[in-house]
Amino acid sequence: VVGMVTGLRSPDRMQLDQMRTWNASARQVFWRLRLPSSAPLLFASLKIAVSASLVGAIVGELPTGAVAGLGARLLAGSYYGQTVQIWAALIMAAALAGLLIAAIGILQRVTLRRMGMAR
């Protein structure tokens, strides 16, 4: 949320004055200036949120006695001293996080290209 608010406030005063000169409505300023300028910060925030939510989901499984999932696999491996099972769950969690972040990166490239902001 902080990244998005920062992005929405990031347009220069000169850009806002130019939109005012063109007699743009508040809706036009939002859709044509503020939202495109906040897009890179939105995707950076999404990448951080995906990682944090994955950790939260795994930790949330631990006290519930779940029988399936990465948290349950970690817990079962620690109960029975199976380090291979623990490492397998950790590697799968890292791979899942990598895939989710890569998917957001692809979405970011497509979105920024459609907005005319591709690098």
PDB file of N, CA and C in Angstrom:
ATOM      1  N   VAL A   1       0.828  -1.183   0.000  1.00  0.00           N
ATOM      2  CA  VAL A   1       0.000   0.000   0.000  1.00  0.00           C
ATOM      3  C   VAL A   1       0.878   1.254   0.000  1.00  0.00           C
ATOM      4  N   VAL A   2       1.951   1.222   0.777  1.00  0.00           N
ATOM      5  CA  VAL A   2       2.827   2.391   0.855  1.00  0.00           C
ATOM      6  C   VAL A   2       3.447   2.673  -0.508  1.00  0.00           C
ATOM      7  N   GLY A   3       3.861   1.612  -1.212  1.00  0.00           N
ATOM      8  CA  GLY A   3       4.446   1.789  -2.540  1.00  0.00           C
ATOM      9  C   GLY A   3       3.455   2.386  -3.519  1.00  0.00           C
ATOM     10  N   MET A   4       2.208   1.947  -3.444  1.00  0.00           N
ATOM     11  CA  MET A   4       1.190   2.467  -4.351  1.00  0.00           C
ATOM     12  C   MET A   4       0.891   3.933  -4.056  1.00  0.00           C
ATOM     13  N   VAL A   5       0.787   4.287  -2.788  1.00  0.00           N
ATOM     14  CA  VAL A   5       0.535   5.687  -2.422  1.00  0.00           C
ATOM     15  C   VAL A   5       1.704   6.558  -2.858  1.00  0.00           C
ATOM     16  N   THR A   6       2.921   6.060  -2.650  1.00  0.00           N
ATOM     17  CA  THR A   6       4.102   6.806  -3.091  1.00  0.00           C
ATOM     18  C   THR A   6       4.072   6.998  -4.599  1.00  0.00           C
ATOM     19  N   GLY A   7       3.693   5.955  -5.329  1.00  0.00           N
ATOM     20  CA  GLY A   7       3.614   6.053  -6.781  1.00  0.00           C
ATOM     21  C   GLY A   7       2.540   7.015  -7.242  1.00  0.00           C
ATOM     22  N   LEU A   8       1.400   7.015  -6.562  1.00  0.00           N
ATOM     23  CA  LEU A   8       0.326   7.932  -6.945  1.00  0.00           C
ATOM     24  C   LEU A   8       0.706   9.382  -6.689  1.00  0.00           C
ATOM     25  N   ARG A   9       1.591   9.602  -5.730  1.00  0.00           N
ATOM     26  CA  ARG A   9       2.035  10.971  -5.437  1.00  0.00           C
ATOM     27  C   ARG A   9       3.308  11.350  -6.178  1.00  0.00           C
ATOM     28  N   SER A  10       3.823  10.469  -7.028  1.00  0.00           N
ATOM     29  CA  SER A  10       5.127  10.706  -7.642  1.00  0.00           C
ATOM     30  C   SER A  10       5.155  11.639  -8.855  1.00  0.00           C
ATOM     31  N   PRO A  11       4.046  11.940  -9.533  1.00  0.00           N
ATOM     32  CA  PRO A  11       4.164  12.846 -10.680  1.00  0.00           C
ATOM     33  C   PRO A  11       4.717  14.215 -10.277  1.00  0.00           C
ATOM     34  N   ASP A  12       5.525  14.754 -11.155  1.00  0.00           N
ATOM     35  CA  ASP A  12       6.110  16.078 -10.905  1.00  0.00           C
ATOM     36  C   ASP A  12       5.026  17.146 -10.911  1.00  0.00           C
ATOM     37  N   ARG A  13       5.333  18.231 -10.265  1.00  0.00           N
ATOM     38  CA  ARG A  13       4.424  19.378 -10.242  1.00  0.00           C
ATOM     39  C   ARG A  13       4.220  19.896 -11.671  1.00  0.00           C
ATOM     40  N   MET A  14       5.268  19.825 -12.478  1.00  0.00           N
ATOM     41  CA  MET A  14       5.176  20.308 -13.850  1.00  0.00           C
ATOM     42  C   MET A  14       4.195  19.445 -14.672  1.00  0.00           C
ATOM     43  N   GLN A  15       4.223  18.139 -14.444  1.00  0.00           N
ATOM     44  CA  GLN A  15       3.287  17.259 -15.147  1.00  0.00           C
ATOM     45  C   GLN A  15       1.849  17.543 -14.714  1.00  0.00           C
ATOM     46  N   LEU A  16       1.656  17.757 -13.429  1.00  0.00           N
ATOM     47  CA  LEU A  16       0.310  18.084 -12.945  1.00  0.00           C
ATOM     48  C   LEU A  16      -0.167  19.425 -13.494  1.00  0.00           C
ATOM     49  N   ASP A  17       0.745  20.396 -13.574  1.00  0.00           N
ATOM     50  CA  ASP A  17       0.384  21.692 -14.150  1.00  0.00           C
ATOM     51  C   ASP A  17       0.021  21.551 -15.624  1.00  0.00           C
ATOM     52  N   GLN A  18       0.731  20.686 -16.330  1.00  0.00           N
ATOM     53  CA  GLN A  18       0.426  20.471 -17.739  1.00  0.00           C
ATOM     54  C   GLN A  18      -0.964  19.851 -17.899  1.00  0.00           C
ATOM     55  N   MET A  19      -1.297  18.904 -17.044  1.00  0.00           N
ATOM     56  CA  MET A  19      -2.634  18.314 -17.104  1.00  0.00           C
ATOM     57  C   MET A  19      -3.700  19.361 -16.780  1.00  0.00           C
ATOM     58  N   ARG A  20      -3.401  20.244 -15.833  1.00  0.00           N
ATOM     59  CA  ARG A  20      -4.332  21.317 -15.487  1.00  0.00           C
ATOM     60  C   ARG A  20      -4.477  22.280 -16.670  1.00  0.00           C
ATOM     61  N   THR A  21      -3.374  22.539 -17.381  1.00  0.00           N
ATOM     62  CA  THR A  21      -3.415  23.417 -18.546  1.00  0.00           C
ATOM     63  C   THR A  21      -4.315  22.829 -19.629  1.00  0.00           C
ATOM     64  N   TRP A  22      -4.278  21.517 -19.764  1.00  0.00           N
ATOM     65  CA  TRP A  22      -5.122  20.838 -20.745  1.00  0.00           C
ATOM     66  C   TRP A  22      -6.556  20.670 -20.260  1.00  0.00           C
ATOM     67  N   ASN A  23      -6.855  21.214 -19.084  1.00  0.00           N
ATOM     68  CA  ASN A  23      -8.192  21.157 -18.495  1.00  0.00           C
ATOM     69  C   ASN A  23      -8.648  19.712 -18.265  1.00  0.00           C
ATOM     70  N   ALA A  24      -7.741  18.897 -17.753  1.00  0.00           N
ATOM     71  CA  ALA A  24      -8.051  17.493 -17.485  1.00  0.00           C
ATOM     72  C   ALA A  24      -8.837  17.374 -16.184  1.00  0.00           C
ATOM     73  N   SER A  25      -9.787  16.475 -16.187  1.00  0.00           N
ATOM     74  CA  SER A  25     -10.562  16.224 -14.969  1.00  0.00           C
ATOM     75  C   SER A  25      -9.717  15.392 -14.003  1.00  0.00           C
ATOM     76  N   ALA A  26     -10.198  15.269 -12.783  1.00  0.00           N
ATOM     77  CA  ALA A  26      -9.472  14.468 -11.787  1.00  0.00           C
ATOM     78  C   ALA A  26      -9.381  13.010 -12.232  1.00  0.00           C
ATOM     79  N   ARG A  27     -10.411  12.522 -12.873  1.00  0.00           N
ATOM     80  CA  ARG A  27     -10.404  11.151 -13.392  1.00  0.00           C
ATOM     81  C   ARG A  27      -9.341  10.986 -14.477  1.00  0.00           C
ATOM     82  N   GLN A  28      -9.246  11.948 -15.374  1.00  0.00           N
ATOM     83  CA  GLN A  28      -8.235  11.877 -16.432  1.00  0.00           C
ATOM     84  C   GLN A  28      -6.827  11.961 -15.861  1.00  0.00           C
ATOM     85  N   VAL A  29      -6.636  12.807 -14.860  1.00  0.00           N
ATOM     86  CA  VAL A  29      -5.319  12.908 -14.219  1.00  0.00           C
ATOM     87  C   VAL A  29      -4.962  11.573 -13.578  1.00  0.00           C
ATOM     88  N   PHE A  30      -5.927  10.927 -12.944  1.00  0.00           N
ATOM     89  CA  PHE A  30      -5.655   9.633 -12.311  1.00  0.00           C
ATOM     90  C   PHE A  30      -5.284   8.582 -13.348  1.00  0.00           C
ATOM     91  N   TRP A  31      -6.123   8.416 -14.377  1.00  0.00           N
ATOM     92  CA  TRP A  31      -5.912   7.335 -15.335  1.00  0.00           C
ATOM     93  C   TRP A  31      -4.741   7.585 -16.273  1.00  0.00           C
ATOM     94  N   ARG A  32      -4.460   8.832 -16.593  1.00  0.00           N
ATOM     95  CA  ARG A  32      -3.424   9.108 -17.590  1.00  0.00           C
ATOM     96  C   ARG A  32      -2.085   9.533 -17.005  1.00  0.00           C
ATOM     97  N   LEU A  33      -2.053   9.921 -15.734  1.00  0.00           N
ATOM     98  CA  LEU A  33      -0.793  10.376 -15.146  1.00  0.00           C
ATOM     99  C   LEU A  33      -0.451   9.630 -13.860  1.00  0.00           C
ATOM    100  N   ARG A  34      -1.332   9.659 -12.903  1.00  0.00           N
ATOM    101  CA  ARG A  34      -0.998   9.076 -11.595  1.00  0.00           C
ATOM    102  C   ARG A  34      -0.881   7.553 -11.635  1.00  0.00           C
ATOM    103  N   LEU A  35      -1.828   6.868 -12.250  1.00  0.00           N
ATOM    104  CA  LEU A  35      -1.775   5.405 -12.301  1.00  0.00           C
ATOM    105  C   LEU A  35      -0.568   4.900 -13.096  1.00  0.00           C
ATOM    106  N   PRO A  36      -0.283   5.431 -14.291  1.00  0.00           N
ATOM    107  CA  PRO A  36       0.923   4.956 -14.992  1.00  0.00           C
ATOM    108  C   PRO A  36       2.219   5.231 -14.234  1.00  0.00           C
ATOM    109  N   SER A  37       2.283   6.332 -13.515  1.00  0.00           N
ATOM    110  CA  SER A  37       3.516   6.616 -12.776  1.00  0.00           C
ATOM    111  C   SER A  37       3.663   5.733 -11.545  1.00  0.00           C
ATOM    112  N   SER A  38       2.560   5.160 -11.062  1.00  0.00           N
ATOM    113  CA  SER A  38       2.640   4.294  -9.889  1.00  0.00           C
ATOM    114  C   SER A  38       2.804   2.821 -10.248  1.00  0.00           C
ATOM    115  N   ALA A  39       2.697   2.462 -11.514  1.00  0.00           N
ATOM    116  CA  ALA A  39       2.756   1.055 -11.920  1.00  0.00           C
ATOM    117  C   ALA A  39       4.054   0.357 -11.516  1.00  0.00           C
ATOM    118  N   PRO A  40       5.235   0.942 -11.727  1.00  0.00           N
ATOM    119  CA  PRO A  40       6.453   0.231 -11.307  1.00  0.00           C
ATOM    120  C   PRO A  40       6.499  -0.037  -9.801  1.00  0.00           C
ATOM    121  N   LEU A  41       6.046   0.905  -9.006  1.00  0.00           N
ATOM    122  CA  LEU A  41       6.035   0.702  -7.558  1.00  0.00           C
ATOM    123  C   LEU A  41       4.976  -0.317  -7.144  1.00  0.00           C
ATOM    124  N   LEU A  42       3.880  -0.380  -7.876  1.00  0.00           N
ATOM    125  CA  LEU A  42       2.852  -1.377  -7.598  1.00  0.00           C
ATOM    126  C   LEU A  42       3.414  -2.784  -7.775  1.00  0.00           C
ATOM    127  N   PHE A  43       4.136  -3.006  -8.868  1.00  0.00           N
ATOM    128  CA  PHE A  43       4.666  -4.343  -9.121  1.00  0.00           C
ATOM    129  C   PHE A  43       5.786  -4.700  -8.152  1.00  0.00           C
ATOM    130  N   ALA A  44       6.576  -3.736  -7.745  1.00  0.00           N
ATOM    131  CA  ALA A  44       7.593  -4.010  -6.724  1.00  0.00           C
ATOM    132  C   ALA A  44       6.931  -4.406  -5.406  1.00  0.00           C
ATOM    133  N   SER A  45       5.853  -3.726  -5.061  1.00  0.00           N
ATOM    134  CA  SER A  45       5.118  -4.068  -3.837  1.00  0.00           C
ATOM    135  C   SER A  45       4.468  -5.442  -3.944  1.00  0.00           C
ATOM    136  N   LEU A  46       3.980  -5.791  -5.132  1.00  0.00           N
ATOM    137  CA  LEU A  46       3.380  -7.110  -5.324  1.00  0.00           C
ATOM    138  C   LEU A  46       4.402  -8.223  -5.141  1.00  0.00           C
ATOM    139  N   LYS A  47       5.618  -8.006  -5.625  1.00  0.00           N
ATOM    140  CA  LYS A  47       6.663  -9.025  -5.470  1.00  0.00           C
ATOM    141  C   LYS A  47       6.992  -9.249  -3.997  1.00  0.00           C
ATOM    142  N   ILE A  48       7.046  -8.187  -3.235  1.00  0.00           N
ATOM    143  CA  ILE A  48       7.307  -8.315  -1.797  1.00  0.00           C
ATOM    144  C   ILE A  48       6.125  -8.993  -1.107  1.00  0.00           C
ATOM    145  N   ALA A  49       4.912  -8.623  -1.497  1.00  0.00           N
ATOM    146  CA  ALA A  49       3.718  -9.193  -0.872  1.00  0.00           C
ATOM    147  C   ALA A  49       3.585 -10.683  -1.157  1.00  0.00           C
ATOM    148  N   VAL A  50       3.967 -11.113  -2.359  1.00  0.00           N
ATOM    149  CA  VAL A  50       3.892 -12.539  -2.684  1.00  0.00           C
ATOM    150  C   VAL A  50       4.827 -13.331  -1.790  1.00  0.00           C
ATOM    151  N   SER A  51       6.027 -12.835  -1.601  1.00  0.00           N
ATOM    152  CA  SER A  51       6.980 -13.535  -0.739  1.00  0.00           C
ATOM    153  C   SER A  51       6.479 -13.590   0.702  1.00  0.00           C
ATOM    154  N   ALA A  52       5.986 -12.486   1.193  1.00  0.00           N
ATOM    155  CA  ALA A  52       5.498 -12.452   2.577  1.00  0.00           C
ATOM    156  C   ALA A  52       4.269 -13.338   2.762  1.00  0.00           C
ATOM    157  N   SER A  53       3.390 -13.365   1.785  1.00  0.00           N
ATOM    158  CA  SER A  53       2.192 -14.193   1.920  1.00  0.00           C
ATOM    159  C   SER A  53       2.520 -15.674   1.837  1.00  0.00           C
ATOM    160  N   LEU A  54       3.530 -16.037   1.054  1.00  0.00           N
ATOM    161  CA  LEU A  54       3.944 -17.437   0.998  1.00  0.00           C
ATOM    162  C   LEU A  54       4.509 -17.882   2.344  1.00  0.00           C
ATOM    163  N   VAL A  55       5.339 -17.052   2.941  1.00  0.00           N
ATOM    164  CA  VAL A  55       5.870 -17.366   4.271  1.00  0.00           C
ATOM    165  C   VAL A  55       4.726 -17.446   5.283  1.00  0.00           C
ATOM    166  N   GLY A  56       3.787 -16.530   5.206  1.00  0.00           N
ATOM    167  CA  GLY A  56       2.646 -16.547   6.115  1.00  0.00           C
ATOM    168  C   GLY A  56       1.790 -17.794   5.959  1.00  0.00           C
ATOM    169  N   ALA A  57       1.608 -18.251   4.724  1.00  0.00           N
ATOM    170  CA  ALA A  57       0.819 -19.467   4.502  1.00  0.00           C
ATOM    171  C   ALA A  57       1.517 -20.693   5.072  1.00  0.00           C
ATOM    172  N   ILE A  58       2.830 -20.755   4.905  1.00  0.00           N
ATOM    173  CA  ILE A  58       3.581 -21.901   5.431  1.00  0.00           C
ATOM    174  C   ILE A  58       3.570 -21.886   6.956  1.00  0.00           C
ATOM    175  N   VAL A  59       3.818 -20.739   7.547  1.00  0.00           N
ATOM    176  CA  VAL A  59       3.820 -20.635   9.009  1.00  0.00           C
ATOM    177  C   VAL A  59       2.415 -20.865   9.559  1.00  0.00           C
ATOM    178  N   GLY A  60       1.399 -20.452   8.835  1.00  0.00           N
ATOM    179  CA  GLY A  60       0.024 -20.657   9.272  1.00  0.00           C
ATOM    180  C   GLY A  60      -0.380 -22.119   9.316  1.00  0.00           C
ATOM    181  N   GLU A  61       0.279 -22.951   8.513  1.00  0.00           N
ATOM    182  CA  GLU A  61      -0.021 -24.384   8.526  1.00  0.00           C
ATOM    183  C   GLU A  61       0.568 -25.085   9.743  1.00  0.00           C
ATOM    184  N   LEU A  62       1.600 -24.531  10.321  1.00  0.00           N
ATOM    185  CA  LEU A  62       2.333 -25.244  11.368  1.00  0.00           C
ATOM    186  C   LEU A  62       1.483 -25.590  12.592  1.00  0.00           C
ATOM    187  N   PRO A  63       0.777 -24.654  13.217  1.00  0.00           N
ATOM    188  CA  PRO A  63       0.059 -25.021  14.451  1.00  0.00           C
ATOM    189  C   PRO A  63      -1.293 -25.692  14.222  1.00  0.00           C
ATOM    190  N   THR A  64      -1.740 -25.808  12.980  1.00  0.00           N
ATOM    191  CA  THR A  64      -3.091 -26.321  12.739  1.00  0.00           C
ATOM    192  C   THR A  64      -3.158 -27.833  12.642  1.00  0.00           C
ATOM    193  N   GLY A  65      -2.037 -28.494  12.558  1.00  0.00           N
ATOM    194  CA  GLY A  65      -2.038 -29.946  12.414  1.00  0.00           C
ATOM    195  C   GLY A  65      -2.397 -30.386  11.011  1.00  0.00           C
ATOM    196  N   ALA A  66      -2.086 -29.555  10.025  1.00  0.00           N
ATOM    197  CA  ALA A  66      -2.384 -29.899   8.637  1.00  0.00           C
ATOM    198  C   ALA A  66      -1.595 -31.138   8.221  1.00  0.00           C
ATOM    199  N   VAL A  67      -2.165 -31.910   7.311  1.00  0.00           N
ATOM    200  CA  VAL A  67      -1.493 -33.124   6.841  1.00  0.00           C
ATOM    201  C   VAL A  67      -0.932 -32.948   5.440  1.00  0.00           C
ATOM    202  N   ALA A  68      -1.280 -31.867   4.765  1.00  0.00           N
ATOM    203  CA  ALA A  68      -0.770 -31.603   3.424  1.00  0.00           C
ATOM    204  C   ALA A  68      -0.283 -30.165   3.365  1.00  0.00           C
ATOM    205  N   GLY A  69       0.670 -29.924   2.511  1.00  0.00           N
ATOM    206  CA  GLY A  69       1.211 -28.587   2.348  1.00  0.00           C
ATOM    207  C   GLY A  69       2.658 -28.523   2.780  1.00  0.00           C
ATOM    208  N   LEU A  70       3.294 -27.421   2.438  1.00  0.00           N
ATOM    209  CA  LEU A  70       4.720 -27.273   2.743  1.00  0.00           C
ATOM    210  C   LEU A  70       4.977 -27.137   4.238  1.00  0.00           C
ATOM    211  N   GLY A  71       4.105 -26.434   4.942  1.00  0.00           N
ATOM    212  CA  GLY A  71       4.271 -26.307   6.390  1.00  0.00           C
ATOM    213  C   GLY A  71       4.133 -27.644   7.093  1.00  0.00           C
ATOM    214  N   ALA A  72       3.166 -28.444   6.648  1.00  0.00           N
ATOM    215  CA  ALA A  72       2.992 -29.777   7.232  1.00  0.00           C
ATOM    216  C   ALA A  72       4.187 -30.660   6.919  1.00  0.00           C
ATOM    217  N   ARG A  73       4.744 -30.526   5.729  1.00  0.00           N
ATOM    218  CA  ARG A  73       5.922 -31.305   5.347  1.00  0.00           C
ATOM    219  C   ARG A  73       7.116 -30.907   6.213  1.00  0.00           C
ATOM    220  N   LEU A  74       7.279 -29.611   6.449  1.00  0.00           N
ATOM    221  CA  LEU A  74       8.363 -29.149   7.329  1.00  0.00           C
ATOM    222  C   LEU A  74       8.184 -29.683   8.749  1.00  0.00           C
ATOM    223  N   LEU A  75       6.975 -29.622   9.245  1.00  0.00           N
ATOM    224  CA  LEU A  75       6.696 -30.073  10.603  1.00  0.00           C
ATOM    225  C   LEU A  75       6.908 -31.578  10.745  1.00  0.00           C
ATOM    226  N   ALA A  76       6.440 -32.340   9.773  1.00  0.00           N
ATOM    227  CA  ALA A  76       6.616 -33.794   9.825  1.00  0.00           C
ATOM    228  C   ALA A  76       8.094 -34.159   9.742  1.00  0.00           C
ATOM    229  N   GLY A  77       8.832 -33.452   8.904  1.00  0.00           N
ATOM    230  CA  GLY A  77      10.266 -33.714   8.805  1.00  0.00           C
ATOM    231  C   GLY A  77      11.000 -33.393  10.086  1.00  0.00           C
ATOM    232  N   SER A  78      10.573 -32.350  10.779  1.00  0.00           N
ATOM    233  CA  SER A  78      11.248 -31.996  12.031  1.00  0.00           C
ATOM    234  C   SER A  78      10.875 -32.967  13.154  1.00  0.00           C
ATOM    235  N   TYR A  79       9.642 -33.474  13.146  1.00  0.00           N
ATOM    236  CA  TYR A  79       9.235 -34.447  14.167  1.00  0.00           C
ATOM    237  C   TYR A  79      10.028 -35.741  14.062  1.00  0.00           C
ATOM    238  N   TYR A  80      10.210 -36.198  12.832  1.00  0.00           N
ATOM    239  CA  TYR A  80      10.835 -37.501  12.627  1.00  0.00           C
ATOM    240  C   TYR A  80      12.314 -37.408  12.274  1.00  0.00           C
ATOM    241  N   GLY A  81      12.881 -36.227  12.339  1.00  0.00           N
ATOM    242  CA  GLY A  81      14.306 -36.049  12.087  1.00  0.00           C
ATOM    243  C   GLY A  81      14.708 -36.328  10.649  1.00  0.00           C
ATOM    244  N   GLN A  82      13.828 -36.069   9.711  1.00  0.00           N
ATOM    245  CA  GLN A  82      14.106 -36.316   8.297  1.00  0.00           C
ATOM    246  C   GLN A  82      14.541 -35.011   7.639  1.00  0.00           C
ATOM    247  N   THR A  83      15.842 -34.789   7.630  1.00  0.00           N
ATOM    248  CA  THR A  83      16.366 -33.539   7.079  1.00  0.00           C
ATOM    249  C   THR A  83      16.131 -33.442   5.580  1.00  0.00           C
ATOM    250  N   VAL A  84      16.105 -34.571   4.895  1.00  0.00           N
ATOM    251  CA  VAL A  84      15.845 -34.540   3.449  1.00  0.00           C
ATOM    252  C   VAL A  84      14.445 -34.001   3.179  1.00  0.00           C
ATOM    253  N   GLN A  85      13.484 -34.399   3.983  1.00  0.00           N
ATOM    254  CA  GLN A  85      12.114 -33.920   3.831  1.00  0.00           C
ATOM    255  C   GLN A  85      12.036 -32.419   4.119  1.00  0.00           C
ATOM    256  N   ILE A  86      12.770 -31.967   5.102  1.00  0.00           N
ATOM    257  CA  ILE A  86      12.792 -30.536   5.426  1.00  0.00           C
ATOM    258  C   ILE A  86      13.394 -29.750   4.270  1.00  0.00           C
ATOM    259  N   TRP A  87      14.532 -30.216   3.759  1.00  0.00           N
ATOM    260  CA  TRP A  87      15.179 -29.522   2.652  1.00  0.00           C
ATOM    261  C   TRP A  87      14.318 -29.551   1.391  1.00  0.00           C
ATOM    262  N   ALA A  88      13.633 -30.657   1.154  1.00  0.00           N
ATOM    263  CA  ALA A  88      12.748 -30.733  -0.010  1.00  0.00           C
ATOM    264  C   ALA A  88      11.626 -29.701   0.093  1.00  0.00           C
ATOM    265  N   ALA A  89      11.059 -29.556   1.278  1.00  0.00           N
ATOM    266  CA  ALA A  89       9.996 -28.564   1.467  1.00  0.00           C
ATOM    267  C   ALA A  89      10.534 -27.146   1.301  1.00  0.00           C
ATOM    268  N   LEU A  90      11.728 -26.897   1.813  1.00  0.00           N
ATOM    269  CA  LEU A  90      12.324 -25.564   1.666  1.00  0.00           C
ATOM    270  C   LEU A  90      12.636 -25.249   0.207  1.00  0.00           C
ATOM    271  N   ILE A  91      13.151 -26.236  -0.520  1.00  0.00           N
ATOM    272  CA  ILE A  91      13.466 -26.020  -1.938  1.00  0.00           C
ATOM    273  C   ILE A  91      12.182 -25.789  -2.736  1.00  0.00           C
ATOM    274  N   MET A  92      11.138 -26.533  -2.419  1.00  0.00           N
ATOM    275  CA  MET A  92       9.862 -26.327  -3.111  1.00  0.00           C
ATOM    276  C   MET A  92       9.265 -24.954  -2.784  1.00  0.00           C
ATOM    277  N   ALA A  93       9.417 -24.513  -1.552  1.00  0.00           N
ATOM    278  CA  ALA A  93       8.927 -23.181  -1.189  1.00  0.00           C
ATOM    279  C   ALA A  93       9.696 -22.106  -1.948  1.00  0.00           C
ATOM    280  N   ALA A  94      11.003 -22.281  -2.065  1.00  0.00           N
ATOM    281  CA  ALA A  94      11.812 -21.319  -2.820  1.00  0.00           C
ATOM    282  C   ALA A  94      11.443 -21.342  -4.300  1.00  0.00           C
ATOM    283  N   ALA A  95      11.212 -22.536  -4.850  1.00  0.00           N
ATOM    284  CA  ALA A  95      10.821 -22.639  -6.258  1.00  0.00           C
ATOM    285  C   ALA A  95       9.453 -22.001  -6.496  1.00  0.00           C
ATOM    286  N   LEU A  96       8.530 -22.227  -5.578  1.00  0.00           N
ATOM    287  CA  LEU A  96       7.203 -21.620  -5.700  1.00  0.00           C
ATOM    288  C   LEU A  96       7.289 -20.100  -5.632  1.00  0.00           C
ATOM    289  N   ALA A  97       8.091 -19.595  -4.712  1.00  0.00           N
ATOM    290  CA  ALA A  97       8.275 -18.142  -4.615  1.00  0.00           C
ATOM    291  C   ALA A  97       8.898 -17.600  -5.896  1.00  0.00           C
ATOM    292  N   GLY A  98       9.881 -18.309  -6.432  1.00  0.00           N
ATOM    293  CA  GLY A  98      10.504 -17.879  -7.680  1.00  0.00           C
ATOM    294  C   GLY A  98       9.523 -17.851  -8.835  1.00  0.00           C
ATOM    295  N   LEU A  99       8.676 -18.868  -8.930  1.00  0.00           N
ATOM    296  CA  LEU A  99       7.671 -18.904  -9.996  1.00  0.00           C
ATOM    297  C   LEU A  99       6.656 -17.777  -9.859  1.00  0.00           C
ATOM    298  N   LEU A 100       6.215 -17.518  -8.640  1.00  0.00           N
ATOM    299  CA  LEU A 100       5.243 -16.443  -8.430  1.00  0.00           C
ATOM    300  C   LEU A 100       5.845 -15.073  -8.745  1.00  0.00           C
ATOM    301  N   ILE A 101       7.086 -14.864  -8.348  1.00  0.00           N
ATOM    302  CA  ILE A 101       7.743 -13.588  -8.637  1.00  0.00           C
ATOM    303  C   ILE A 101       8.000 -13.446 -10.130  1.00  0.00           C
ATOM    304  N   ALA A 102       8.360 -14.555 -10.798  1.00  0.00           N
ATOM    305  CA  ALA A 102       8.549 -14.512 -12.250  1.00  0.00           C
ATOM    306  C   ALA A 102       7.233 -14.200 -12.959  1.00  0.00           C
ATOM    307  N   ALA A 103       6.128 -14.753 -12.469  1.00  0.00           N
ATOM    308  CA  ALA A 103       4.822 -14.464 -13.066  1.00  0.00           C
ATOM    309  C   ALA A 103       4.465 -12.990 -12.910  1.00  0.00           C
ATOM    310  N   ILE A 104       4.765 -12.424 -11.759  1.00  0.00           N
ATOM    311  CA  ILE A 104       4.512 -10.991 -11.567  1.00  0.00           C
ATOM    312  C   ILE A 104       5.428 -10.170 -12.467  1.00  0.00           C
ATOM    313  N   GLY A 105       6.672 -10.622 -12.654  1.00  0.00           N
ATOM    314  CA  GLY A 105       7.588  -9.931 -13.560  1.00  0.00           C
ATOM    315  C   GLY A 105       7.085  -9.931 -14.992  1.00  0.00           C
ATOM    316  N   ILE A 106       6.533 -11.064 -15.438  1.00  0.00           N
ATOM    317  CA  ILE A 106       5.964 -11.131 -16.789  1.00  0.00           C
ATOM    318  C   ILE A 106       4.765 -10.198 -16.900  1.00  0.00           C
ATOM    319  N   LEU A 107       3.906 -10.225 -15.893  1.00  0.00           N
ATOM    320  CA  LEU A 107       2.755  -9.325 -15.874  1.00  0.00           C
ATOM    321  C   LEU A 107       3.200  -7.861 -15.885  1.00  0.00           C
ATOM    322  N   GLN A 108       4.280  -7.562 -15.173  1.00  0.00           N
ATOM    323  CA  GLN A 108       4.816  -6.204 -15.148  1.00  0.00           C
ATOM    324  C   GLN A 108       5.304  -5.790 -16.529  1.00  0.00           C
ATOM    325  N   ARG A 109       6.064  -6.660 -17.191  1.00  0.00           N
ATOM    326  CA  ARG A 109       6.567  -6.323 -18.527  1.00  0.00           C
ATOM    327  C   ARG A 109       5.430  -6.105 -19.518  1.00  0.00           C
ATOM    328  N   VAL A 110       4.426  -6.976 -19.472  1.00  0.00           N
ATOM    329  CA  VAL A 110       3.294  -6.841 -20.389  1.00  0.00           C
ATOM    330  C   VAL A 110       2.534  -5.550 -20.108  1.00  0.00           C
ATOM    331  N   THR A 111       2.276  -5.277 -18.844  1.00  0.00           N
ATOM    332  CA  THR A 111       1.521  -4.075 -18.478  1.00  0.00           C
ATOM    333  C   THR A 111       2.277  -2.807 -18.851  1.00  0.00           C
ATOM    334  N   LEU A 112       3.560  -2.751 -18.518  1.00  0.00           N
ATOM    335  CA  LEU A 112       4.330  -1.546 -18.824  1.00  0.00           C
ATOM    336  C   LEU A 112       4.503  -1.366 -20.330  1.00  0.00           C
ATOM    337  N   ARG A 113       4.599  -2.459 -21.068  1.00  0.00           N
ATOM    338  CA  ARG A 113       4.693  -2.349 -22.528  1.00  0.00           C
ATOM    339  C   ARG A 113       3.395  -1.793 -23.096  1.00  0.00           C
ATOM    340  N   ARG A 114       2.259  -2.257 -22.576  1.00  0.00           N
ATOM    341  CA  ARG A 114       0.970  -1.751 -23.056  1.00  0.00           C
ATOM    342  C   ARG A 114       0.767  -0.286 -22.694  1.00  0.00           C
ATOM    343  N   MET A 115       1.397   0.139 -21.583  1.00  0.00           N
ATOM    344  CA  MET A 115       1.280   1.532 -21.159  1.00  0.00           C
ATOM    345  C   MET A 115       2.309   2.418 -21.848  1.00  0.00           C
ATOM    346  N   GLY A 116       3.186   1.822 -22.650  1.00  0.00           N
ATOM    347  CA  GLY A 116       4.213   2.592 -23.346  1.00  0.00           C
ATOM    348  C   GLY A 116       5.384   2.962 -22.468  1.00  0.00           C
ATOM    349  N   MET A 117       5.615   2.194 -21.398  1.00  0.00           N
ATOM    350  CA  MET A 117       6.693   2.506 -20.466  1.00  0.00           C
ATOM    351  C   MET A 117       7.772   1.433 -20.468  1.00  0.00           C
ATOM    352  N   ALA A 118       7.781   0.554 -21.483  1.00  0.00           N
ATOM    353  CA  ALA A 118       8.749  -0.548 -21.502  1.00  0.00           C
ATOM    354  C   ALA A 118      10.156  -0.019 -21.659  1.00  0.00           C
ATOM    355  N   ARG A 119      11.086  -0.744 -21.016  1.00  0.00           N
ATOM    356  CA  ARG A 119      12.489  -0.341 -21.096  1.00  0.00           C
ATOM    357  C   ARG A 119      13.151  -0.962 -22.285  1.00  0.00           C
TER     358      ARG A 119
END
